[in-house]
């Protein structure tokens, strides 16, 4: 496996020498699937595992009181990061639960306009599966197409198409902020405008965006927003759902009951160490938001350039690497790169590069034999979709990592093409 060393010029707020204690550790480029927990997050969590281990619901003694205060502080931290009120934050086990609570919670309320939902064909399965479940129960759904493969903003949905899909019986629209495979960033503020004009609440799965892009629920105009800890160097098993409490009020039918926690919207003992870790992770992301996306974008482009020069032919999947919208904001996540190799199977390349950890699609779908539904929605054939590789960078990715990964991937691709 590739030898790793720290990058002393990274300028990061931690000791880079601790990043890879084992020099034989593969280069990790699967950060859309999960991220390494930042050591500073672990440090913040440890006391709540070993010393202050009280239940936040046990208000009658000091242990419970301290745990409750820690949860309140974490709630305030999250609220400040996305510009909402603390009581609008509901802690969950992660984005999948948050998505289910948002979608099914709105759709199953007794008082709602109707049984129609609007979403996008490229959404994560954590959005599509709850919608399919509702369809089996008699609901109806419209899944919108996106700009096709090869377009400058491939993967983006037209706000006008959202407006056309909304009906008097639409109870919810759900549009992902940033895609987990191709990195496409949606024009969410415009979509929110058309939804609100029709009186339809808008949910967004912002799992890949929070901590990587500025996310302000007021500026975006969204009514519900899902996020999770393990995509932004926080712990697994903890996430949150923002639920608008005014202008307009969004009401949910709880999906987990028992105990009345989280203002009656989600029952269950609170994961205090995880909640503290999530808040600390978001804090760190906010501190680095002015510099880290640009650093990752430069490294991503360096990796893409090496692959294009040494492993052609290949095609970029998703928006252009430096594509921006009319306001100059990027329409692709800075740490995202997905390419189709055309004549070379992506899984074969992955198996020939054990020194690089990456994926051929969404981690949640990696056990499925079918090609990526996201790439099919872009218009790629099933055969071409199977040649794709997804790479995701993080704050721990260095220039050395990128160069070594490019060497290994290009060597494997050339070998496989020679065998063919």
Protein backbone atom coordinates (compact mmCIF):
# COMPACT_ATOMS: atom_id res chain seq x y z
CA UNK A 1 0.00 0.00 0.00
CA UNK A 2 1.03 3.60 -0.51
CA UNK A 3 3.22 5.21 2.12
CA UNK A 4 1.69 8.36 3.59
CA UNK A 5 3.23 11.38 5.20
CA UNK A 6 1.78 14.55 6.64
CA UNK A 7 1.61 17.82 4.75
CA UNK A 8 3.26 20.45 6.99
CA UNK A 9 2.02 23.26 4.74
CA UNK A 10 -1.63 22.40 5.11
CA UNK A 11 -2.28 25.17 7.61
CA UNK A 12 -4.82 23.09 9.49
CA UNK A 13 -5.62 23.54 13.15
CA UNK A 14 -4.38 20.14 14.32
CA UNK A 15 -1.15 18.19 14.35
CA UNK A 16 -0.95 16.76 10.84
CA UNK A 17 1.55 14.15 12.02
CA UNK A 18 -1.35 12.39 13.75
CA UNK A 19 -3.34 11.98 10.57
CA UNK A 20 -1.75 8.67 9.55
CA UNK A 21 -0.03 6.92 12.42
CA UNK A 22 0.08 3.75 10.29
CA UNK A 23 2.10 4.54 7.15
CA UNK A 24 0.50 1.57 5.38
CA UNK A 25 -3.00 2.99 5.71
CA UNK A 26 -4.65 3.42 2.27
CA UNK A 27 -5.24 6.92 0.97
CA UNK A 28 -8.81 7.74 1.91
CA UNK A 29 -10.88 9.29 -0.89
CA UNK A 30 -14.33 8.06 0.15
CA UNK A 31 -15.35 11.08 2.19
CA UNK A 32 -18.85 11.23 0.70
CA UNK A 33 -19.51 7.90 2.39
CA UNK A 34 -18.08 8.90 5.77
CA UNK A 35 -15.31 11.04 7.18
CA UNK A 36 -12.65 10.46 9.80
CA UNK A 37 -13.68 11.87 13.17
CA UNK A 38 -11.52 14.90 13.89
CA UNK A 39 -9.33 14.36 16.99
CA UNK A 40 -10.67 17.61 18.40
CA UNK A 41 -14.19 16.18 18.18
CA UNK A 42 -13.12 13.02 19.98
CA UNK A 43 -11.58 15.16 22.70
CA UNK A 44 -14.84 17.06 23.16
CA UNK A 45 -16.87 13.83 23.35
CA UNK A 46 -14.76 11.82 25.79
CA UNK A 47 -15.89 13.46 29.06
CA UNK A 48 -19.50 12.70 28.18
CA UNK A 49 -18.64 9.03 27.83
CA UNK A 50 -16.49 8.62 30.93
CA UNK A 51 -17.26 11.36 33.48
CA UNK A 52 -20.49 13.25 32.75
CA UNK A 53 -22.43 10.21 31.60
CA UNK A 54 -25.85 11.28 32.86
CA UNK A 55 -29.12 11.05 30.95
CA UNK A 56 -30.17 14.48 29.68
CA UNK A 57 -33.74 13.59 30.71
CA UNK A 58 -32.78 13.03 34.35
CA UNK A 59 -33.31 16.55 35.64
CA UNK A 60 -33.31 15.58 39.31
CA UNK A 61 -29.53 15.35 39.80
CA UNK A 62 -26.29 17.01 38.74
CA UNK A 63 -25.29 14.37 36.17
CA UNK A 64 -28.54 14.80 34.27
CA UNK A 65 -28.45 18.56 34.63
CA UNK A 66 -24.99 18.81 33.11
CA UNK A 67 -25.98 16.52 30.25
CA UNK A 68 -29.09 18.59 29.59
CA UNK A 69 -27.04 21.80 29.58
CA UNK A 70 -24.57 20.24 27.11
CA UNK A 71 -27.44 19.35 24.76
CA UNK A 72 -28.81 22.89 25.02
CA UNK A 73 -25.41 24.33 24.17
CA UNK A 74 -25.02 21.97 21.22
CA UNK A 75 -28.50 22.90 19.99
CA UNK A 76 -27.55 26.57 20.13
CA UNK A 77 -24.30 25.87 18.22
CA UNK A 78 -26.15 24.09 15.41
CA UNK A 79 -28.79 26.80 15.28
CA UNK A 80 -26.12 29.48 14.97
CA UNK A 81 -24.36 27.60 12.19
CA UNK A 82 -27.45 27.37 9.96
CA UNK A 83 -29.19 30.56 11.20
CA UNK A 84 -32.26 29.22 12.95
CA UNK A 85 -33.73 29.15 16.47
CA UNK A 86 -32.43 26.48 18.88
CA UNK A 87 -35.90 25.03 19.39
CA UNK A 88 -36.09 24.40 15.63
CA UNK A 89 -33.33 21.76 15.91
CA UNK A 90 -34.43 18.14 16.45
CA UNK A 91 -31.62 15.68 17.20
CA UNK A 92 -31.85 12.32 15.42
CA UNK A 93 -29.70 9.27 14.74
CA UNK A 94 -28.54 10.67 11.39
CA UNK A 95 -29.70 12.02 8.04
CA UNK A 96 -31.67 8.92 7.09
CA UNK A 97 -33.88 9.30 10.14
CA UNK A 98 -34.06 13.06 9.60
CA UNK A 99 -35.21 12.54 6.01
CA UNK A 100 -37.84 10.03 7.09
CA UNK A 101 -39.10 12.30 9.85
CA UNK A 102 -39.34 15.23 7.45
CA UNK A 103 -40.98 13.41 4.53
CA UNK A 104 -43.22 10.96 6.32
CA UNK A 105 -43.77 13.35 9.20
CA UNK A 106 -45.30 15.98 6.91
CA UNK A 107 -47.07 13.54 4.60
CA UNK A 108 -48.83 11.60 7.35
CA UNK A 109 -50.20 14.62 9.20
CA UNK A 110 -53.97 14.58 9.15
CA UNK A 111 -54.27 18.21 8.11
CA UNK A 112 -52.40 18.59 4.85
CA UNK A 113 -53.29 19.77 1.32
CA UNK A 114 -53.17 16.31 -0.24
CA UNK A 115 -51.19 13.18 -0.99
CA UNK A 116 -48.80 14.37 -3.70
CA UNK A 117 -45.03 14.82 -3.29
CA UNK A 118 -42.39 16.33 -5.59
CA UNK A 119 -38.74 15.33 -5.59
CA UNK A 120 -35.82 14.73 -7.96
CA UNK A 121 -34.66 11.55 -9.70
CA UNK A 122 -31.09 12.00 -8.41
CA UNK A 123 -31.98 12.14 -4.70
CA UNK A 124 -30.32 9.86 -2.18
CA UNK A 125 -32.20 6.63 -1.45
CA UNK A 126 -32.83 7.96 2.06
CA UNK A 127 -35.26 10.35 0.35
CA UNK A 128 -36.47 8.15 -2.51
CA UNK A 129 -37.24 5.10 -0.36
CA UNK A 130 -39.58 6.94 2.08
CA UNK A 131 -41.35 8.42 -0.94
CA UNK A 132 -41.72 4.96 -2.51
CA UNK A 133 -43.10 3.65 0.76
CA UNK A 134 -45.70 6.42 0.78
CA UNK A 135 -46.57 5.59 -2.83
CA UNK A 136 -47.29 2.00 -1.80
CA UNK A 137 -49.69 3.44 0.74
CA UNK A 138 -51.58 5.38 -1.95
CA UNK A 139 -49.65 8.63 -2.21
CA UNK A 140 -48.50 9.99 -5.56
CA UNK A 141 -45.06 11.35 -6.40
CA UNK A 142 -43.43 13.30 -9.22
CA UNK A 143 -39.68 12.82 -9.68
CA UNK A 144 -38.12 15.57 -11.75
CA UNK A 145 -35.39 15.20 -14.37
CA UNK A 146 -32.10 17.09 -14.16
CA UNK A 147 -29.74 18.67 -16.66
CA UNK A 148 -28.11 15.86 -18.64
CA UNK A 149 -24.59 14.51 -18.74
CA UNK A 150 -22.26 16.85 -20.61
CA UNK A 151 -24.06 20.04 -19.62
CA UNK A 152 -22.11 22.67 -17.67
CA UNK A 153 -24.53 22.26 -14.77
CA UNK A 154 -25.30 18.56 -15.22
CA UNK A 155 -27.39 17.23 -12.36
CA UNK A 156 -29.14 20.52 -11.55
CA UNK A 157 -32.92 20.75 -11.56
CA UNK A 158 -34.73 23.68 -13.19
CA UNK A 159 -36.79 25.68 -10.65
CA UNK A 160 -39.33 26.17 -13.43
CA UNK A 161 -39.78 22.40 -13.60
CA UNK A 162 -40.47 22.36 -9.88
CA UNK A 163 -43.09 25.07 -10.31
CA UNK A 164 -44.80 23.08 -13.07
CA UNK A 165 -44.85 19.92 -10.97
CA UNK A 166 -46.53 21.51 -7.95
CA UNK A 167 -50.27 20.92 -7.65
CA UNK A 168 -53.04 21.97 -5.27
CA UNK A 169 -52.72 18.56 -3.58
CA UNK A 170 -48.91 18.71 -3.17
CA UNK A 171 -48.05 18.36 0.52
CA UNK A 172 -44.23 18.52 0.27
CA UNK A 173 -41.29 19.03 -2.07
CA UNK A 174 -37.88 17.54 -1.27
CA UNK A 175 -34.75 18.64 -3.14
CA UNK A 176 -31.21 17.72 -2.08
CA UNK A 177 -28.87 20.67 -1.59
CA UNK A 178 -25.71 18.89 -2.81
CA UNK A 179 -25.57 15.47 -4.46
CA UNK A 180 -23.60 12.69 -2.79
CA UNK A 181 -22.29 11.21 -6.05
CA UNK A 182 -21.81 13.96 -8.63
CA UNK A 183 -21.58 16.93 -6.26
CA UNK A 184 -24.27 18.99 -8.02
CA UNK A 185 -25.44 21.94 -5.90
CA UNK A 186 -29.08 22.80 -6.50
CA UNK A 187 -30.53 26.35 -6.88
CA UNK A 188 -32.41 25.89 -3.65
CA UNK A 189 -33.33 29.50 -2.92
CA UNK A 190 -35.08 29.75 -6.30
CA UNK A 191 -36.82 26.42 -5.72
CA UNK A 192 -37.95 27.58 -2.28
CA UNK A 193 -39.43 30.69 -3.88
CA UNK A 194 -41.63 28.72 -6.25
CA UNK A 195 -42.63 26.29 -3.49
CA UNK A 196 -43.67 29.06 -1.12
CA UNK A 197 -45.58 30.84 -3.87
CA UNK A 198 -47.64 27.66 -4.16
CA UNK A 199 -47.93 27.21 -0.39
CA UNK A 200 -45.85 24.01 -0.42
CA UNK A 201 -43.18 23.36 2.25
CA UNK A 202 -39.69 22.49 1.04
CA UNK A 203 -37.37 19.91 2.61
CA UNK A 204 -33.71 19.57 1.70
CA UNK A 205 -31.27 16.78 2.41
CA UNK A 206 -28.21 18.93 3.15
CA UNK A 207 -26.09 16.01 4.34
CA UNK A 208 -23.23 16.66 1.90
CA UNK A 209 -23.44 20.46 2.06
CA UNK A 210 -23.36 21.40 5.74
CA UNK A 211 -19.78 22.12 6.76
CA UNK A 212 -18.61 22.31 3.15
CA UNK A 213 -20.69 25.22 1.88
CA UNK A 214 -22.35 28.19 3.61
CA UNK A 215 -25.79 26.93 4.66
CA UNK A 216 -28.31 29.51 5.92
CA UNK A 217 -31.88 28.23 6.18
CA UNK A 218 -33.28 31.76 6.06
CA UNK A 219 -31.37 32.71 2.92
CA UNK A 220 -32.22 29.37 1.30
CA UNK A 221 -35.85 29.62 2.36
CA UNK A 222 -36.15 25.94 3.26
CA UNK A 223 -38.69 24.68 5.81
CA UNK A 224 -36.94 21.44 6.77
CA UNK A 225 -33.26 20.52 6.52
CA UNK A 226 -31.49 17.22 7.26
CA UNK A 227 -27.86 16.83 8.30
CA UNK A 228 -25.61 14.24 9.93
CA UNK A 229 -22.37 14.14 11.88
CA UNK A 230 -20.32 11.57 10.03
CA UNK A 231 -20.11 13.55 6.78
CA UNK A 232 -18.33 16.48 8.44
CA UNK A 233 -15.72 14.81 10.67
CA UNK A 234 -18.17 14.14 13.47
CA UNK A 235 -19.36 10.83 14.91
CA UNK A 236 -21.69 8.33 13.27
CA UNK A 237 -25.14 7.75 14.70
CA UNK A 238 -26.12 11.36 15.31
CA UNK A 239 -27.78 13.97 13.12
CA UNK A 240 -30.40 16.68 13.19
CA UNK A 241 -33.48 17.98 11.44
CA UNK A 242 -34.27 21.68 11.22
CA UNK A 243 -38.03 22.26 11.42
CA UNK A 244 -39.32 25.78 10.73
CA UNK A 245 -41.44 27.07 13.63
CA UNK A 246 -42.79 30.26 12.10
CA UNK A 247 -43.60 31.94 8.78
CA UNK A 248 -44.88 29.26 8.23
CA UNK A 249 -45.07 26.76 11.07
CA UNK A 250 -44.21 23.22 9.93
CA UNK A 251 -45.89 20.44 11.89
CA UNK A 252 -44.76 16.82 11.85
CA UNK A 253 -46.26 13.50 12.81
CA UNK A 254 -43.61 11.84 15.03
CA UNK A 255 -42.15 8.65 13.57
CA UNK A 256 -40.55 7.47 16.83
CA UNK A 257 -42.62 7.84 19.98
CA UNK A 258 -42.02 7.13 23.63
CA UNK A 259 -40.61 9.57 26.15
CA UNK A 260 -41.62 12.85 24.50
CA UNK A 261 -38.06 14.02 23.86
CA UNK A 262 -37.19 16.69 21.30
CA UNK A 263 -40.32 18.76 21.90
CA UNK A 264 -42.47 15.69 21.26
CA UNK A 265 -41.18 15.31 17.71
CA UNK A 266 -38.75 12.43 18.26
CA UNK A 267 -38.76 10.03 21.20
CA UNK A 268 -35.67 8.31 22.59
CA UNK A 269 -32.83 8.90 25.02
CA UNK A 270 -30.56 11.61 23.67
CA UNK A 271 -27.08 10.60 22.51
CA UNK A 272 -25.26 13.23 24.56
CA UNK A 273 -21.67 12.36 23.51
CA UNK A 274 -22.73 12.23 19.86
CA UNK A 275 -24.64 15.50 20.09
CA UNK A 276 -21.65 17.22 21.70
CA UNK A 277 -19.43 15.77 18.96
CA UNK A 278 -21.77 16.90 16.20
CA UNK A 279 -21.78 20.44 17.55
CA UNK A 280 -17.99 20.52 17.87
CA UNK A 281 -17.60 19.16 14.32
CA UNK A 282 -19.86 21.87 12.92
CA UNK A 283 -17.97 24.49 14.93
CA UNK A 284 -14.69 23.41 13.37
CA UNK A 285 -16.20 23.42 9.88
CA UNK A 286 -17.51 26.94 10.42
CA UNK A 287 -14.05 28.08 11.53
CA UNK A 288 -12.48 26.74 8.31
CA UNK A 289 -15.27 27.63 5.88
CA UNK A 290 -13.40 30.60 4.41
CA UNK A 291 -10.34 28.55 3.44
CA UNK A 292 -10.98 24.79 3.40
CA UNK A 293 -13.40 24.58 0.42
CA UNK A 294 -10.89 26.45 -1.74
CA UNK A 295 -8.04 24.17 -0.66
CA UNK A 296 -10.09 21.07 -1.42
CA UNK A 297 -11.18 22.48 -4.76
CA UNK A 298 -7.58 23.02 -5.81
CA UNK A 299 -6.61 19.49 -4.79
CA UNK A 300 -9.68 18.07 -6.56
CA UNK A 301 -8.74 19.88 -9.75
CA UNK A 302 -5.16 18.62 -9.45
CA UNK A 303 -6.43 15.04 -9.20
CA UNK A 304 -8.82 15.52 -12.11
CA UNK A 305 -6.07 17.02 -14.27
CA UNK A 306 -3.73 14.09 -13.65
CA UNK A 307 -6.42 11.55 -14.44
CA UNK A 308 -7.38 13.41 -17.63
CA UNK A 309 -3.75 13.64 -18.77
CA UNK A 310 -2.72 10.08 -17.96
CA UNK A 311 -5.89 7.96 -18.10
CA UNK A 312 -7.81 9.34 -21.08
CA UNK A 313 -10.37 8.72 -22.37
CA UNK A 314 -12.63 9.55 -19.43
CA UNK A 315 -15.62 11.78 -18.85
CA UNK A 316 -16.49 14.05 -15.95
CA UNK A 317 -19.84 13.18 -14.35
CA UNK A 318 -21.80 16.12 -12.99
CA UNK A 319 -21.24 19.88 -13.23
CA UNK A 320 -18.05 21.41 -14.53
CA UNK A 321 -15.23 21.49 -11.99
CA UNK A 322 -15.27 25.27 -11.86
CA UNK A 323 -18.90 25.85 -12.83
CA UNK A 324 -20.69 28.68 -11.02
CA UNK A 325 -24.24 30.00 -10.96
CA UNK A 326 -25.36 33.51 -11.89
CA UNK A 327 -24.32 34.76 -8.44
CA UNK A 328 -20.85 33.26 -8.80
CA UNK A 329 -21.43 30.43 -6.31
CA UNK A 330 -20.02 26.99 -7.23
CA UNK A 331 -22.48 24.46 -8.60
CA UNK A 332 -20.29 21.53 -7.60
CA UNK A 333 -19.00 20.53 -4.16
CA UNK A 334 -15.33 21.49 -3.90
CA UNK A 335 -14.15 18.07 -2.73
CA UNK A 336 -16.15 16.02 -5.22
CA UNK A 337 -14.88 14.22 -8.31
CA UNK A 338 -16.69 11.50 -10.27
CA UNK A 339 -15.46 10.25 -13.63
CA UNK A 340 -16.60 7.58 -16.09
CA UNK A 341 -13.76 5.60 -17.63
CA UNK A 342 -15.66 4.67 -20.79
CA UNK A 343 -14.05 1.33 -21.63
CA UNK A 344 -12.81 0.24 -18.19
CA UNK A 345 -14.92 -1.19 -15.40
CA UNK A 346 -14.82 0.99 -12.30
CA UNK A 347 -15.05 -1.91 -9.87
CA UNK A 348 -12.10 -3.61 -11.58
CA UNK A 349 -10.02 -0.46 -11.07
CA UNK A 350 -11.07 -0.25 -7.43
CA UNK A 351 -10.03 -3.84 -6.81
CA UNK A 352 -6.62 -3.23 -8.41
CA UNK A 353 -5.90 -0.20 -6.21
CA UNK A 354 -6.02 -1.42 -2.57
CA UNK A 355 -3.85 1.55 -1.63
CA UNK A 356 -6.71 3.94 -2.44
CA UNK A 357 -10.06 3.87 -0.66
CA UNK A 358 -12.79 5.10 -3.01
CA UNK A 359 -16.13 3.91 -4.34
CA UNK A 360 -18.01 3.34 -7.57
CA UNK A 361 -21.18 5.04 -6.32
CA UNK A 362 -23.18 5.75 -3.18
CA UNK A 363 -22.00 3.78 -0.15
CA UNK A 364 -25.59 3.05 0.88
CA UNK A 365 -26.13 1.35 -2.48
CA UNK A 366 -22.76 -0.38 -2.83
CA UNK A 367 -24.27 -3.83 -2.19
CA UNK A 368 -26.68 -3.40 -5.09
CA UNK A 369 -25.65 -4.88 -8.48
CA UNK A 370 -27.49 -2.18 -10.42
CA UNK A 371 -25.58 0.85 -11.76
CA UNK A 372 -25.94 4.23 -10.06
CA UNK A 373 -29.46 5.64 -10.40
CA UNK A 374 -27.90 9.12 -10.31
CA UNK A 375 -25.79 8.47 -13.40
CA UNK A 376 -28.70 6.82 -15.19
CA UNK A 377 -30.78 9.93 -14.44
CA UNK A 378 -28.07 12.01 -16.15
CA UNK A 379 -28.60 9.94 -19.28
CA UNK A 380 -25.57 7.65 -19.10
CA UNK A 381 -26.06 4.09 -20.25
CA UNK A 382 -25.90 1.30 -17.69
CA UNK A 383 -22.58 0.11 -19.17
CA UNK A 384 -21.02 3.57 -18.93
CA UNK A 385 -22.35 4.07 -15.41
CA UNK A 386 -20.53 0.91 -14.33
CA UNK A 387 -17.22 2.47 -15.34
CA UNK A 388 -17.56 5.35 -12.87
CA UNK A 389 -15.33 6.12 -9.91
CA UNK A 390 -16.33 8.51 -7.12
CA UNK A 391 -13.66 10.38 -5.15
CA UNK A 392 -14.27 12.63 -2.18
CA UNK A 393 -11.65 14.81 -0.48
CA UNK A 394 -11.61 16.15 3.07
CA UNK A 395 -9.62 18.38 5.43
CA UNK A 396 -7.25 15.46 5.96
CA UNK A 397 -6.47 15.02 2.24
CA UNK A 398 -3.03 16.29 1.23
CA UNK A 399 -1.26 17.00 -2.04
CA UNK A 400 0.86 13.90 -1.44
CA UNK A 401 -2.34 11.84 -1.17
CA UNK A 402 -3.69 13.21 -4.43
CA UNK A 403 -0.50 12.58 -6.37
CA UNK A 404 -0.09 9.05 -5.02
CA UNK A 405 -3.74 8.21 -5.68
CA UNK A 406 -3.41 9.47 -9.26
CA UNK A 407 -0.32 7.30 -9.80
CA UNK A 408 -2.08 4.17 -8.54
CA UNK A 409 -5.35 4.78 -10.38
CA UNK A 410 -3.70 5.64 -13.70
CA UNK A 411 -1.46 2.58 -13.44
CA UNK A 412 -4.45 0.30 -12.79
CA UNK A 413 -6.46 1.81 -15.64
CA UNK A 414 -3.59 1.42 -18.12
CA UNK A 415 -3.03 -2.18 -17.00
CA UNK A 416 -6.68 -3.10 -17.43
CA UNK A 417 -6.84 -1.47 -20.86
CA UNK A 418 -3.74 -3.38 -21.86
CA UNK A 419 -5.34 -6.64 -20.76
CA UNK A 420 -8.47 -5.77 -22.72
